[in-house]
Each structure stands twice: as C-alpha cells, then as structure tokens.
Amino acid sequence: MRALIGLWRWRHNPVCRGTDLAEAWVAVIALFLIVVAAPVVGVVAGSVSRDALYRSVEEQRSMRHEVTATVVHKVAQPPLDPDPETSTARDAHTRVVATWRAPDGSLRQDRVVAALTTPHRGDKFTVWTDDQGRAVGRPLDRPTAATHAALAGFGAAVAVTGLVEGTRRLVLWRMMRRRYARWDSAWDIAGPDWGRTGTGS
C-alpha cells in the first residue's frame, strides 16, 4: 500500500528516478499477485486435490469391506517405548491373532491390530478387508479428505506467496546492484579531486 501511494504521489516529481518508479511498480505487481493470484492458486489446488481425494475415498469404499473379527489370542507386545507420544498411541491398540470371514465366505486368520486394551479369546472387534479377505487399513473418509485438500490449497497459496516475495526481493537486489554500479561509474568519472577549487582548470 505504501508503494502504491508513493507511486501515485511521486510519478511526476522531477527528483523521482526511473529506478524509484520501477521499484514501486515491482511492489505493486507483487502485492497484486499475493492478494489475487495466491488465493486463486490455493482454491484451484484445493479443489483439484479434493476431487482426487474424493475419488480415492469412493474407490477405497468400494474395494474395502468392514467385517467382524474374533480374537483367538493376544500377541506378545514389544518392549515399552520410552517416547510418551508413540507409546500412548500404541497402548490404545493391541496386536492379536483373529479370525474373520472373507467376502467369499472363507475363514481367514491373521495377526491384526485391535482397538481393545485387554483382549480375551472370543472378543469381537471390527477389521477392514480387501476383496480377497486380507486385512487392510481403514479407508479414507470424506472429512479427512476435505481436511487434506484444504491443507493442500493453503500450502499452495503460501508457496505462491513465498515465490512472489522471493522474486520481488531478487529483482530489487539486482536493481540495487545496478544502481551501485552506476554510482561507481559516476564516481570514477568525477575523479578523486571532485569539488576542489580549480578542478578541471
């Protein structure tokens, strides 16, 4: 905003250099891209990601089946994890050997993770299987997909903002280097005794 006001106020000022106007225009263009282009890119990226994730949700829902499994016996747990975050997440689930029916009616048995703190033989819990009856992870749901899409859109907008700001700084840096080079040339032309009485006589 400051660059915009400066550009308007100083556009016809006789002491305004061409580089001052160029810097102001660079700032205005960068501001426009950040305010307009970044949100548009974020919305487009979020929308594309959402559509792709929703298709994945539907595909997983059609290929994965929720079945009831029965605990055969508990599997020995690995040694305690000293990390409180991972150990808390692990303690909420237990590895067991369980049996369940595949979609074709055949009986399956395998090691799976059950949301049971103290599983006993015969306890029931839910597992997800593929079309062949193999245990698979829970399918992605629409709220989670929407959250991932929103994060993707936000990330894209932030990336565009960072790219625009980085480009602006690079352009200004190059303009400053050019300005300093011109000043050095002017100093060389003026010579080391500029301003002294009788210079050039």
C-alpha atoms as a PDB file:
ATOM      1  CA  MET A   1       0.000   0.000   0.000  1.00  0.00           C
ATOM      2  CA  ARG A   2       2.837   2.384   0.845  1.00  0.00           C
ATOM      3  CA  ALA A   3       4.414   1.660  -2.551  1.00  0.00           C
ATOM      4  CA  LEU A   4       1.115   2.406  -4.270  1.00  0.00           C
ATOM      5  CA  ILE A   5       0.731   5.756  -2.512  1.00  0.00           C
ATOM      6  CA  GLY A   6       4.345   6.609  -3.250  1.00  0.00           C
ATOM      7  CA  LEU A   7       3.936   5.688  -6.902  1.00  0.00           C
ATOM      8  CA  TRP A   8       0.903   7.961  -7.243  1.00  0.00           C
ATOM      9  CA  ARG A   9       2.403  10.915  -5.351  1.00  0.00           C
ATOM     10  CA  TRP A  10       5.857  10.829  -6.940  1.00  0.00           C
ATOM     11  CA  ARG A  11       5.014   9.847 -10.517  1.00  0.00           C
ATOM     12  CA  HIS A  12       5.541  13.415 -11.883  1.00  0.00           C
ATOM     13  CA  ASN A  13       8.102  14.613  -9.323  1.00  0.00           C
ATOM     14  CA  PRO A  14      11.288  15.868 -11.039  1.00  0.00           C
ATOM     15  CA  VAL A  15      13.534  14.243  -8.392  1.00  0.00           C
ATOM     16  CA  CYS A  16      11.856  10.853  -8.863  1.00  0.00           C
ATOM     17  CA  ARG A  17      14.271   8.487 -10.568  1.00  0.00           C
ATOM     18  CA  GLY A  18      13.298   5.815 -13.024  1.00  0.00           C
ATOM     19  CA  THR A  19      14.519   3.173 -10.594  1.00  0.00           C
ATOM     20  CA  ASP A  20      12.179   4.550  -7.906  1.00  0.00           C
ATOM     21  CA  LEU A  21       9.216   4.065 -10.221  1.00  0.00           C
ATOM     22  CA  ALA A  22      10.457   0.623 -11.214  1.00  0.00           C
ATOM     23  CA  GLU A  23      10.762  -0.433  -7.551  1.00  0.00           C
ATOM     24  CA  ALA A  24       7.267   0.889  -6.847  1.00  0.00           C
ATOM     25  CA  TRP A  25       5.820  -0.994  -9.815  1.00  0.00           C
ATOM     26  CA  VAL A  26       7.562  -4.197  -8.712  1.00  0.00           C
ATOM     27  CA  ALA A  27       5.995  -3.788  -5.271  1.00  0.00           C
ATOM     28  CA  VAL A  28       2.540  -3.129  -6.774  1.00  0.00           C
ATOM     29  CA  ILE A  29       2.737  -6.179  -9.030  1.00  0.00           C
ATOM     30  CA  ALA A  30       3.944  -8.354  -6.137  1.00  0.00           C
ATOM     31  CA  LEU A  31       1.094  -7.091  -3.943  1.00  0.00           C
ATOM     32  CA  PHE A  32      -1.437  -7.838  -6.678  1.00  0.00           C
ATOM     33  CA  LEU A  33      -0.095 -11.368  -7.146  1.00  0.00           C
ATOM     34  CA  ILE A  34      -0.122 -12.048  -3.397  1.00  0.00           C
ATOM     35  CA  VAL A  35      -3.639 -10.655  -2.880  1.00  0.00           C
ATOM     36  CA  VAL A  36      -5.228 -12.111  -6.035  1.00  0.00           C
ATOM     37  CA  ALA A  37      -3.130 -14.869  -7.595  1.00  0.00           C
ATOM     38  CA  ALA A  38      -2.120 -16.703  -4.404  1.00  0.00           C
ATOM     39  CA  PRO A  39      -5.721 -17.225  -3.191  1.00  0.00           C
ATOM     40  CA  VAL A  40      -6.813 -18.294  -6.682  1.00  0.00           C
ATOM     41  CA  VAL A  41      -3.992 -20.843  -6.885  1.00  0.00           C
ATOM     42  CA  GLY A  42      -4.884 -22.050  -3.375  1.00  0.00           C
ATOM     43  CA  VAL A  43      -8.555 -22.512  -4.275  1.00  0.00           C
ATOM     44  CA  VAL A  44      -7.727 -24.314  -7.535  1.00  0.00           C
ATOM     45  CA  ALA A  45      -5.162 -26.588  -5.863  1.00  0.00           C
ATOM     46  CA  GLY A  46      -7.554 -27.356  -3.011  1.00  0.00           C
ATOM     47  CA  SER A  47     -10.389 -28.111  -5.422  1.00  0.00           C
ATOM     48  CA  VAL A  48      -8.259 -30.408  -7.590  1.00  0.00           C
ATOM     49  CA  SER A  49      -6.900 -32.190  -4.505  1.00  0.00           C
ATOM     50  CA  ARG A  50     -10.397 -32.576  -3.061  1.00  0.00           C
ATOM     51  CA  ASP A  51     -11.752 -34.106  -6.253  1.00  0.00           C
ATOM     52  CA  ALA A  52      -8.833 -36.553  -6.448  1.00  0.00           C
ATOM     53  CA  LEU A  53      -9.152 -37.480  -2.772  1.00  0.00           C
ATOM     54  CA  TYR A  54     -12.926 -37.925  -3.035  1.00  0.00           C
ATOM     55  CA  ARG A  55     -12.387 -40.299  -5.958  1.00  0.00           C
ATOM     56  CA  SER A  56      -9.892 -42.183  -3.786  1.00  0.00           C
ATOM     57  CA  VAL A  57     -12.460 -42.326  -0.971  1.00  0.00           C
ATOM     58  CA  GLU A  58     -15.081 -43.831  -3.278  1.00  0.00           C
ATOM     59  CA  GLU A  59     -12.578 -46.289  -4.719  1.00  0.00           C
ATOM     60  CA  GLN A  60     -11.422 -47.435  -1.289  1.00  0.00           C
ATOM     61  CA  ARG A  61     -15.014 -47.715  -0.055  1.00  0.00           C
ATOM     62  CA  SER A  62     -15.871 -49.967  -2.994  1.00  0.00           C
ATOM     63  CA  MET A  63     -12.788 -52.181  -2.524  1.00  0.00           C
ATOM     64  CA  ARG A  64     -12.685 -52.470   1.288  1.00  0.00           C
ATOM     65  CA  HIS A  65     -15.195 -54.233   3.489  1.00  0.00           C
ATOM     66  CA  GLU A  66     -15.916 -53.888   7.203  1.00  0.00           C
ATOM     67  CA  VAL A  67     -16.212 -57.285   8.897  1.00  0.00           C
ATOM     68  CA  THR A  68     -16.370 -58.574  12.448  1.00  0.00           C
ATOM     69  CA  ALA A  69     -13.318 -60.455  13.683  1.00  0.00           C
ATOM     70  CA  THR A  70     -12.965 -62.730  16.696  1.00  0.00           C
ATOM     71  CA  VAL A  71      -9.908 -62.768  18.940  1.00  0.00           C
ATOM     72  CA  VAL A  72      -8.053 -66.092  19.022  1.00  0.00           C
ATOM     73  CA  HIS A  73      -5.266 -64.974  21.333  1.00  0.00           C
ATOM     74  CA  LYS A  74      -3.198 -61.903  22.158  1.00  0.00           C
ATOM     75  CA  VAL A  75       0.242 -61.423  20.582  1.00  0.00           C
ATOM     76  CA  ALA A  76       3.130 -60.530  22.873  1.00  0.00           C
ATOM     77  CA  GLN A  77       3.760 -56.789  22.840  1.00  0.00           C
ATOM     78  CA  PRO A  78       7.236 -55.374  22.012  1.00  0.00           C
ATOM     79  CA  PRO A  79       9.250 -53.747  24.829  1.00  0.00           C
ATOM     80  CA  LEU A  80       7.930 -50.487  26.260  1.00  0.00           C
ATOM     81  CA  ASP A  81       8.612 -47.402  24.192  1.00  0.00           C
ATOM     82  CA  PRO A  82      10.202 -44.545  26.177  1.00  0.00           C
ATOM     83  CA  ASP A  83       8.594 -41.965  23.891  1.00  0.00           C
ATOM     84  CA  PRO A  84       5.289 -40.974  25.576  1.00  0.00           C
ATOM     85  CA  GLU A  85       3.616 -39.906  22.320  1.00  0.00           C
ATOM     86  CA  THR A  86       4.187 -43.126  20.385  1.00  0.00           C
ATOM     87  CA  SER A  87       3.654 -45.329  23.441  1.00  0.00           C
ATOM     88  CA  THR A  88       0.284 -43.702  24.177  1.00  0.00           C
ATOM     89  CA  ALA A  89      -0.886 -44.274  20.601  1.00  0.00           C
ATOM     90  CA  ARG A  90       0.366 -47.861  20.704  1.00  0.00           C
ATOM     91  CA  ASP A  91      -1.173 -48.664  24.093  1.00  0.00           C
ATOM     92  CA  ALA A  92      -4.637 -47.795  22.743  1.00  0.00           C
ATOM     93  CA  HIS A  93      -4.355 -50.750  20.312  1.00  0.00           C
ATOM     94  CA  THR A  94      -3.270 -54.344  20.801  1.00  0.00           C
ATOM     95  CA  ARG A  95      -1.932 -56.898  18.329  1.00  0.00           C
ATOM     96  CA  VAL A  96      -3.931 -60.122  18.313  1.00  0.00           C
ATOM     97  CA  VAL A  97      -4.424 -63.221  16.215  1.00  0.00           C
ATOM     98  CA  ALA A  98      -8.006 -63.123  14.978  1.00  0.00           C
ATOM     99  CA  THR A  99     -10.330 -64.899  12.571  1.00  0.00           C
ATOM    100  CA  TRP A 100     -12.951 -63.428  10.242  1.00  0.00           C
ATOM    101  CA  ARG A 101     -14.974 -64.287   7.166  1.00  0.00           C
ATOM    102  CA  ALA A 102     -13.777 -63.080   3.765  1.00  0.00           C
ATOM    103  CA  PRO A 103     -16.334 -61.661   1.296  1.00  0.00           C
ATOM    104  CA  ASP A 104     -16.447 -65.078  -0.442  1.00  0.00           C
ATOM    105  CA  GLY A 105     -17.357 -66.758   2.872  1.00  0.00           C
ATOM    106  CA  SER A 106     -13.994 -68.422   3.524  1.00  0.00           C
ATOM    107  CA  LEU A 107     -12.479 -68.255   7.018  1.00  0.00           C
ATOM    108  CA  ARG A 108      -9.330 -66.123   7.402  1.00  0.00           C
ATOM    109  CA  GLN A 109      -6.853 -65.909  10.297  1.00  0.00           C
ATOM    110  CA  ASP A 110      -4.010 -63.417  10.726  1.00  0.00           C
ATOM    111  CA  ARG A 111      -2.307 -61.004  13.087  1.00  0.00           C
ATOM    112  CA  VAL A 112      -4.114 -57.679  13.217  1.00  0.00           C
ATOM    113  CA  VAL A 113      -4.296 -54.608  15.416  1.00  0.00           C
ATOM    114  CA  ALA A 114      -7.434 -54.480  17.554  1.00  0.00           C
ATOM    115  CA  ALA A 115      -8.854 -51.448  19.341  1.00  0.00           C
ATOM    116  CA  LEU A 116      -9.002 -53.468  22.564  1.00  0.00           C
ATOM    117  CA  THR A 117      -6.953 -52.644  25.656  1.00  0.00           C
ATOM    118  CA  THR A 118      -7.329 -56.086  27.268  1.00  0.00           C
ATOM    119  CA  PRO A 119      -8.385 -58.559  24.569  1.00  0.00           C
ATOM    120  CA  HIS A 120      -9.618 -62.020  25.544  1.00  0.00           C
ATOM    121  CA  ARG A 121     -10.369 -65.074  23.450  1.00  0.00           C
ATOM    122  CA  GLY A 122     -13.746 -64.677  21.772  1.00  0.00           C
ATOM    123  CA  ASP A 123     -13.850 -60.868  21.925  1.00  0.00           C
ATOM    124  CA  LYS A 124     -15.341 -59.241  18.827  1.00  0.00           C
ATOM    125  CA  PHE A 125     -13.963 -56.195  17.014  1.00  0.00           C
ATOM    126  CA  THR A 126     -14.099 -54.648  13.562  1.00  0.00           C
ATOM    127  CA  VAL A 127     -11.491 -55.056  10.829  1.00  0.00           C
ATOM    128  CA  TRP A 128     -11.343 -53.877   7.232  1.00  0.00           C
ATOM    129  CA  THR A 129     -10.536 -56.339   4.451  1.00  0.00           C
ATOM    130  CA  ASP A 130      -9.996 -56.196   0.709  1.00  0.00           C
ATOM    131  CA  ASP A 131     -11.916 -58.245  -1.863  1.00  0.00           C
ATOM    132  CA  GLN A 132      -9.679 -61.257  -1.132  1.00  0.00           C
ATOM    133  CA  GLY A 133     -10.320 -61.066   2.617  1.00  0.00           C
ATOM    134  CA  ARG A 134      -6.870 -59.744   3.563  1.00  0.00           C
ATOM    135  CA  ALA A 135      -6.745 -57.257   6.432  1.00  0.00           C
ATOM    136  CA  VAL A 136      -6.174 -53.694   5.218  1.00  0.00           C
ATOM    137  CA  GLY A 137      -6.265 -50.229   6.720  1.00  0.00           C
ATOM    138  CA  ARG A 138      -9.420 -48.237   7.293  1.00  0.00           C
ATOM    139  CA  PRO A 139     -10.496 -46.449   4.089  1.00  0.00           C
ATOM    140  CA  LEU A 140     -10.105 -42.717   3.861  1.00  0.00           C
ATOM    141  CA  ASP A 141     -13.260 -40.828   4.849  1.00  0.00           C
ATOM    142  CA  ARG A 142     -14.616 -37.632   3.280  1.00  0.00           C
ATOM    143  CA  PRO A 143     -13.946 -35.293   6.246  1.00  0.00           C
ATOM    144  CA  THR A 144     -10.299 -36.382   6.347  1.00  0.00           C
ATOM    145  CA  ALA A 145     -10.053 -35.988   2.575  1.00  0.00           C
ATOM    146  CA  ALA A 146     -11.548 -32.489   2.811  1.00  0.00           C
ATOM    147  CA  THR A 147      -9.032 -31.577   5.523  1.00  0.00           C
ATOM    148  CA  HIS A 148      -6.121 -32.811   3.389  1.00  0.00           C
ATOM    149  CA  ALA A 149      -7.471 -30.869   0.398  1.00  0.00           C
ATOM    150  CA  ALA A 150      -7.776 -27.679   2.457  1.00  0.00           C
ATOM    151  CA  LEU A 151      -4.205 -28.100   3.687  1.00  0.00           C
ATOM    152  CA  ALA A 152      -3.026 -28.653   0.106  1.00  0.00           C
ATOM    153  CA  GLY A 153      -4.768 -25.460  -1.027  1.00  0.00           C
ATOM    154  CA  PHE A 154      -3.350 -23.476   1.878  1.00  0.00           C
ATOM    155  CA  GLY A 155       0.119 -24.836   1.177  1.00  0.00           C
ATOM    156  CA  ALA A 156      -0.147 -23.894  -2.494  1.00  0.00           C
ATOM    157  CA  ALA A 157      -1.208 -20.339  -1.595  1.00  0.00           C
ATOM    158  CA  VAL A 158       1.667 -19.986   0.871  1.00  0.00           C
ATOM    159  CA  ALA A 159       4.104 -21.358  -1.718  1.00  0.00           C
ATOM    160  CA  VAL A 160       2.934 -18.819  -4.316  1.00  0.00           C
ATOM    161  CA  THR A 161       3.216 -16.010  -1.766  1.00  0.00           C
ATOM    162  CA  GLY A 162       6.756 -17.070  -0.879  1.00  0.00           C
ATOM    163  CA  LEU A 163       7.699 -17.358  -4.567  1.00  0.00           C
ATOM    164  CA  VAL A 164       6.343 -13.883  -5.354  1.00  0.00           C
ATOM    165  CA  GLU A 165       8.057 -12.305  -2.345  1.00  0.00           C
ATOM    166  CA  GLY A 166      11.326 -14.072  -3.139  1.00  0.00           C
ATOM    167  CA  THR A 167      11.160 -12.916  -6.757  1.00  0.00           C
ATOM    168  CA  ARG A 168      10.428  -9.347  -5.634  1.00  0.00           C
ATOM    169  CA  ARG A 169      13.429  -9.344  -3.309  1.00  0.00           C
ATOM    170  CA  LEU A 170      15.657 -10.784  -6.050  1.00  0.00           C
ATOM    171  CA  VAL A 171      14.529  -8.142  -8.560  1.00  0.00           C
ATOM    172  CA  LEU A 172      15.109  -5.344  -6.042  1.00  0.00           C
ATOM    173  CA  TRP A 173      18.524  -6.772  -5.183  1.00  0.00           C
ATOM    174  CA  ARG A 174      19.521  -6.785  -8.852  1.00  0.00           C
ATOM    175  CA  MET A 175      18.203  -3.252  -9.308  1.00  0.00           C
ATOM    176  CA  MET A 176      20.204  -2.109  -6.274  1.00  0.00           C
ATOM    177  CA  ARG A 177      23.343  -3.756  -7.633  1.00  0.00           C
ATOM    178  CA  ARG A 178      22.830  -1.957 -10.926  1.00  0.00           C
ATOM    179  CA  ARG A 179      22.302   1.346  -9.139  1.00  0.00           C
ATOM    180  CA  TYR A 180      25.516   0.894  -7.135  1.00  0.00           C
ATOM    181  CA  ALA A 181      27.391   0.034 -10.338  1.00  0.00           C
ATOM    182  CA  ARG A 182      26.169   3.277 -11.938  1.00  0.00           C
ATOM    183  CA  TRP A 183      27.210   5.227  -8.864  1.00  0.00           C
ATOM    184  CA  ASP A 184      30.676   3.682  -9.027  1.00  0.00           C
ATOM    185  CA  SER A 185      30.950   4.680 -12.682  1.00  0.00           C
ATOM    186  CA  ALA A 186      29.881   8.241 -11.832  1.00  0.00           C
ATOM    187  CA  TRP A 187      32.473   8.420  -9.051  1.00  0.00           C
ATOM    188  CA  ASP A 188      35.163   7.197 -11.452  1.00  0.00           C
ATOM    189  CA  ILE A 189      34.218   9.880 -13.979  1.00  0.00           C
ATOM    190  CA  ALA A 190      34.179  12.626 -11.323  1.00  0.00           C
ATOM    191  CA  GLY A 191      37.672  11.637 -10.204  1.00  0.00           C
ATOM    192  CA  PRO A 192      39.249  11.724  -6.746  1.00  0.00           C
ATOM    193  CA  ASP A 193      39.524  15.554  -6.592  1.00  0.00           C
ATOM    194  CA  TRP A 194      35.928  16.477  -7.386  1.00  0.00           C
ATOM    195  CA  GLY A 195      34.656  19.533  -5.582  1.00  0.00           C
ATOM    196  CA  ARG A 196      38.096  21.150  -5.144  1.00  0.00           C
ATOM    197  CA  THR A 197      38.621  24.728  -6.229  1.00  0.00           C
ATOM    198  CA  GLY A 198      40.084  24.886  -9.690  1.00  0.00           C
ATOM    199  CA  THR A 199      39.144  21.332 -10.639  1.00  0.00           C
ATOM    200  CA  GLY A 200      39.385  20.911 -14.394  1.00  0.00           C
ATOM    201  CA  SER A 201      41.333  24.129 -14.893  1.00  0.00           C
END
